[in-house]
Protein backbone atom coordinates (compact mmCIF):
# COMPACT_ATOMS: atom_id res chain seq x y z
CA UNK A 1 4.09 -39.90 -15.05
CA UNK A 2 4.15 -37.40 -12.41
CA UNK A 3 6.41 -34.21 -12.89
CA UNK A 4 7.33 -32.11 -9.74
CA UNK A 5 9.29 -29.11 -9.91
CA UNK A 6 10.97 -27.77 -6.69
CA UNK A 7 12.54 -25.08 -8.05
CA UNK A 8 16.54 -24.12 -9.50
CA UNK A 9 17.24 -27.50 -11.08
CA UNK A 10 15.63 -29.98 -8.86
CA UNK A 11 13.32 -32.21 -10.69
CA UNK A 12 11.09 -35.22 -9.13
CA UNK A 13 9.67 -38.15 -11.13
CA UNK A 14 6.97 -40.46 -9.66
CA UNK A 15 5.67 -43.75 -12.10
CA UNK A 16 2.03 -44.76 -11.76
CA UNK A 17 3.09 -47.21 -9.13
CA UNK A 18 4.50 -44.47 -6.73
CA UNK A 19 8.25 -45.08 -7.53
CA UNK A 20 10.09 -42.13 -7.70
CA UNK A 21 13.01 -40.48 -8.31
CA UNK A 22 14.58 -36.73 -7.69
CA UNK A 23 17.50 -34.92 -9.10
CA UNK A 24 19.39 -32.86 -7.70
CA UNK A 25 18.05 -31.98 -4.64
CA UNK A 26 18.65 -28.02 -3.49
CA UNK A 27 15.41 -27.38 -1.01
CA UNK A 28 17.35 -26.14 2.02
CA UNK A 29 18.77 -22.77 1.71
CA UNK A 30 16.64 -22.42 -1.54
CA UNK A 31 14.28 -19.44 -1.38
CA UNK A 32 12.34 -21.11 -4.41
CA UNK A 33 11.64 -24.11 -2.28
CA UNK A 34 7.84 -24.95 -1.46
CA UNK A 35 8.63 -28.20 0.10
CA UNK A 36 11.25 -29.20 2.60
CA UNK A 37 13.57 -32.02 2.66
CA UNK A 38 12.01 -34.17 5.23
CA UNK A 39 8.69 -34.25 3.11
CA UNK A 40 10.49 -35.62 0.07
CA UNK A 41 9.94 -39.67 -0.43
CA UNK A 42 11.95 -40.98 -3.06
CA UNK A 43 13.95 -44.53 -4.34
CA UNK A 44 16.59 -43.18 -6.02
CA UNK A 45 18.58 -40.06 -6.24
CA UNK A 46 20.69 -38.42 -8.97
CA UNK A 47 23.08 -36.41 -8.70
CA UNK A 48 24.66 -34.36 -11.52
CA UNK A 49 27.64 -32.50 -10.05
CA UNK A 50 29.11 -31.56 -6.89
CA UNK A 51 28.09 -28.29 -6.03
CA UNK A 52 26.24 -27.20 -3.08
CA UNK A 53 23.17 -25.89 -4.98
CA UNK A 54 22.87 -29.57 -6.85
CA UNK A 55 23.43 -31.69 -3.66
CA UNK A 56 22.54 -29.96 -0.29
CA UNK A 57 19.88 -32.04 0.83
CA UNK A 58 21.21 -35.90 -1.08
CA UNK A 59 22.85 -37.17 2.03
CA UNK A 60 19.78 -36.71 3.94
CA UNK A 61 17.06 -37.73 1.82
CA UNK A 62 19.01 -40.51 0.72
CA UNK A 63 19.43 -41.97 4.62
CA UNK A 64 15.96 -41.32 5.85
CA UNK A 65 14.22 -42.77 2.38
CA UNK A 66 16.76 -45.70 2.34
CA UNK A 67 17.30 -44.39 -1.53
CA UNK A 68 20.14 -44.98 -3.27
CA UNK A 69 22.51 -42.01 -4.38
CA UNK A 70 23.97 -42.33 -8.33
CA UNK A 71 26.67 -40.17 -9.02
CA UNK A 72 30.23 -40.31 -10.59
CA UNK A 73 32.78 -42.21 -8.49
CA UNK A 74 33.78 -39.46 -6.74
CA UNK A 75 31.13 -37.66 -6.04
CA UNK A 76 29.31 -40.99 -4.47
CA UNK A 77 32.34 -41.60 -2.64
CA UNK A 78 31.71 -38.46 -1.16
CA UNK A 79 27.91 -38.53 -0.08
CA UNK A 80 28.47 -41.99 1.10
CA UNK A 81 31.00 -40.88 3.78
CA UNK A 82 27.56 -39.57 5.38
CA UNK A 83 26.21 -43.62 5.77
CA UNK A 84 24.28 -42.79 2.61
CA UNK A 85 23.91 -45.98 0.14
CA UNK A 86 25.40 -44.52 -3.57
CA UNK A 87 26.07 -45.86 -6.80
CA UNK A 88 29.11 -44.48 -8.43
CA UNK A 89 29.02 -44.57 -12.52
CA UNK A 90 30.47 -42.64 -15.23
CA UNK A 91 29.81 -40.79 -18.42
CA UNK A 92 27.74 -43.17 -21.17
CA UNK A 93 26.98 -45.71 -18.48
CA UNK A 94 23.71 -46.84 -17.59
CA UNK A 95 22.76 -47.80 -14.31
CA UNK A 96 19.04 -49.75 -14.59
CA UNK A 97 16.75 -50.32 -11.68
CA UNK A 98 13.53 -52.65 -11.17
CA UNK A 99 11.39 -49.75 -12.75
CA UNK A 100 13.67 -46.94 -14.70
CA UNK A 101 17.23 -46.92 -16.01
CA UNK A 102 19.57 -43.74 -15.76
CA UNK A 103 22.22 -43.30 -18.60
CA UNK A 104 24.68 -40.44 -17.80
CA UNK A 105 25.48 -38.04 -20.45
CA UNK A 106 28.41 -35.35 -21.32
CA UNK A 107 27.61 -31.98 -19.48
CA UNK A 108 30.15 -29.16 -19.95
CA UNK A 109 30.60 -27.32 -16.65
CA UNK A 110 32.64 -27.73 -13.21
CA UNK A 111 32.07 -30.30 -10.08
CA UNK A 112 33.64 -29.24 -6.83
CA UNK A 113 32.88 -29.19 -3.26
CA UNK A 114 34.82 -26.50 -0.38
CA UNK A 115 37.26 -28.44 1.71
CA UNK A 116 37.90 -27.72 5.14
CA UNK A 117 40.38 -25.67 4.35
CA UNK A 118 38.23 -23.61 2.13
CA UNK A 119 39.69 -24.74 -1.04
CA UNK A 120 37.67 -26.62 -4.05
CA UNK A 121 37.80 -30.46 -3.90
CA UNK A 122 37.29 -32.16 -7.04
CA UNK A 123 34.51 -33.82 -7.30
CA UNK A 124 34.76 -35.61 -11.05
CA UNK A 125 32.97 -34.81 -14.45
CA UNK A 126 30.01 -33.55 -14.74
CA UNK A 127 26.78 -35.19 -16.15
CA UNK A 128 23.15 -35.12 -17.52
CA UNK A 129 20.81 -38.03 -16.83
CA UNK A 130 18.73 -39.84 -19.54
CA UNK A 131 15.95 -41.42 -17.78
CA UNK A 132 13.71 -44.06 -19.10
CA UNK A 133 10.84 -44.66 -16.58
CA UNK A 134 7.35 -45.12 -17.02
CA UNK A 135 7.19 -45.03 -20.80
CA UNK A 136 9.05 -41.93 -21.33
CA UNK A 137 12.25 -40.50 -21.89
CA UNK A 138 13.33 -37.15 -19.88
CA UNK A 139 16.77 -35.63 -20.26
CA UNK A 140 17.93 -33.95 -17.05
CA UNK A 141 20.75 -31.89 -18.92
CA UNK A 142 22.65 -31.07 -15.68
CA UNK A 143 24.45 -27.94 -15.38
CA UNK A 144 26.07 -27.36 -19.06
CA UNK A 145 27.57 -25.00 -21.57
CA UNK A 146 26.02 -25.80 -25.34
CA UNK A 147 28.43 -28.42 -26.98
CA UNK A 148 28.22 -30.07 -30.47
CA UNK A 149 27.41 -33.71 -29.13
CA UNK A 150 23.94 -32.40 -28.07
CA UNK A 151 22.98 -33.22 -31.71
CA UNK A 152 23.99 -36.70 -31.39
CA UNK A 153 22.26 -37.13 -28.18
CA UNK A 154 19.16 -35.93 -29.92
CA UNK A 155 19.58 -37.91 -32.72
CA UNK A 156 19.83 -41.40 -30.74
CA UNK A 157 17.01 -40.90 -28.22
CA UNK A 158 13.69 -40.11 -28.67
CA UNK A 159 13.33 -37.46 -25.72
CA UNK A 160 9.69 -36.63 -24.58
CA UNK A 161 10.97 -33.88 -22.23
CA UNK A 162 14.34 -31.90 -21.78
CA UNK A 163 15.02 -30.11 -18.81
CA UNK A 164 17.19 -27.20 -19.57
CA UNK A 165 19.09 -24.24 -17.90
CA UNK A 166 19.27 -21.00 -19.49
CA UNK A 167 20.16 -18.83 -16.44
CA UNK A 168 23.49 -17.64 -18.67
CA UNK A 169 26.58 -17.00 -16.13
CA UNK A 170 27.03 -19.91 -14.54
CA UNK A 171 25.71 -22.08 -17.68
CA UNK A 172 24.31 -21.81 -20.90
CA UNK A 173 21.95 -18.79 -21.29
CA UNK A 174 18.46 -18.64 -23.19
CA UNK A 175 20.04 -18.20 -26.80
CA UNK A 176 22.30 -21.35 -26.24
CA UNK A 177 19.71 -23.05 -24.76
CA UNK A 178 17.38 -22.98 -27.75
CA UNK A 179 19.93 -24.29 -29.89
CA UNK A 180 20.40 -27.29 -27.90
CA UNK A 181 16.54 -27.58 -27.89
CA UNK A 182 16.54 -27.74 -31.45
CA UNK A 183 19.80 -29.90 -31.44
CA UNK A 184 17.83 -32.45 -28.78
CA UNK A 185 14.66 -32.59 -30.65
CA UNK A 186 12.83 -33.06 -27.48
CA UNK A 187 9.01 -32.97 -27.67
CA UNK A 188 8.97 -30.53 -24.86
CA UNK A 189 11.46 -28.50 -23.29
CA UNK A 190 11.29 -26.93 -19.63
CA UNK A 191 13.93 -24.16 -18.68
CA UNK A 192 15.58 -24.69 -14.98
CA UNK A 193 18.35 -22.92 -13.18
CA UNK A 194 17.19 -19.80 -13.24
CA UNK A 195 16.37 -16.96 -11.03
CA UNK A 196 17.43 -18.41 -7.93
CA UNK A 197 19.97 -16.11 -8.04
CA UNK A 198 20.66 -12.61 -9.06
CA UNK A 199 23.38 -13.37 -11.64
CA UNK A 200 21.17 -15.98 -13.24
CA UNK A 201 17.94 -13.62 -13.39
CA UNK A 202 16.05 -14.54 -16.92
CA UNK A 203 12.27 -14.05 -18.35
CA UNK A 204 11.38 -17.92 -19.32
CA UNK A 205 9.02 -16.38 -21.37
CA UNK A 206 11.88 -15.13 -23.81
CA UNK A 207 12.96 -18.41 -24.03
CA UNK A 208 9.49 -19.68 -24.58
CA UNK A 209 9.52 -17.11 -27.43
CA UNK A 210 12.68 -18.33 -28.64
CA UNK A 211 11.58 -22.13 -28.95
CA UNK A 212 8.40 -21.21 -30.85
CA UNK A 213 10.39 -19.62 -33.28
CA UNK A 214 12.19 -23.17 -34.03
CA UNK A 215 8.66 -24.40 -33.85
CA UNK A 216 9.80 -26.43 -30.20
CA UNK A 217 7.08 -26.63 -27.76
CA UNK A 218 8.15 -25.39 -24.30
CA UNK A 219 6.67 -25.52 -21.14
CA UNK A 220 7.15 -23.06 -17.70
CA UNK A 221 6.97 -25.04 -14.24
CA UNK A 222 6.79 -23.04 -11.08
CA UNK A 223 8.31 -24.18 -8.00
CA UNK A 224 5.93 -26.61 -6.58
CA UNK A 225 4.26 -27.28 -9.58
CA UNK A 226 3.43 -30.53 -10.31
CA UNK A 227 2.63 -31.95 -14.33
CA UNK A 228 0.98 -35.12 -15.31
CA UNK A 229 2.80 -36.14 -18.20
C-alpha cells in the first residue's frame, strides 16, 4: 500500500493495483497542500464530517473521477446535489467494494456547512473510518475528542496505522491523542490536523515523544510525502 499525506487531515491510500481512496480532501485553500485537486485520481472519496476543511474538494474530485463519495446520509445528500455519485451510510455500518471495505466508526465532534443565510446546516453525525485494503487495516479517526470506546475499537480491530488529530482547540490535543493511541493499539500512529491554522499549532515531535513513553511507534508525514507500507 502507498500512503500519501496531503496536509491537514487529507490522506490518500493506493493499493498495489493502482486503486485509490482519498479521505477528507481539502486542497483548495489549504496552504499546506502540495497538489491541486485536478491532479487527484481516486475511486472513492471518504468524508468524516461536513466541515469545509474536510469536504472542500470532494464533489469536484468525485465528479471528475466518476468516484463514489461515502459519507453519512445527510452529508452524502448534500454532496449529491452537485451531481456527484454518493453512498450514504451510518455509524457501525460497513461499505464493501471490490478492493476495500470502509467501516464507519464513532467520532465526537460537530458536522455542518454554512447555509445561504449564514447559519449552520446540520450534516449528520461525525465519524471515523476503518479501512481494510491491500491486506492492511487503516484507521482515520476524523476530527474527534478522546472517548472511552476507543478501547473497544482497539480490542476488536488489528489496526496497522492510525491517523489521529493532535491540533487541540477543535479536536483532541497531543496528550489526549497519546492516550487514544494507547487504547487503539495501532502498530503505527501518524498525527494529523495540526499546524494548518494558528489555533492548532503543535510540535509533532512532542507527540512522538509521548508515544515513545508508551512504547508506541509514531511517524510524522510531511504534506506531499508518500510512504510505502
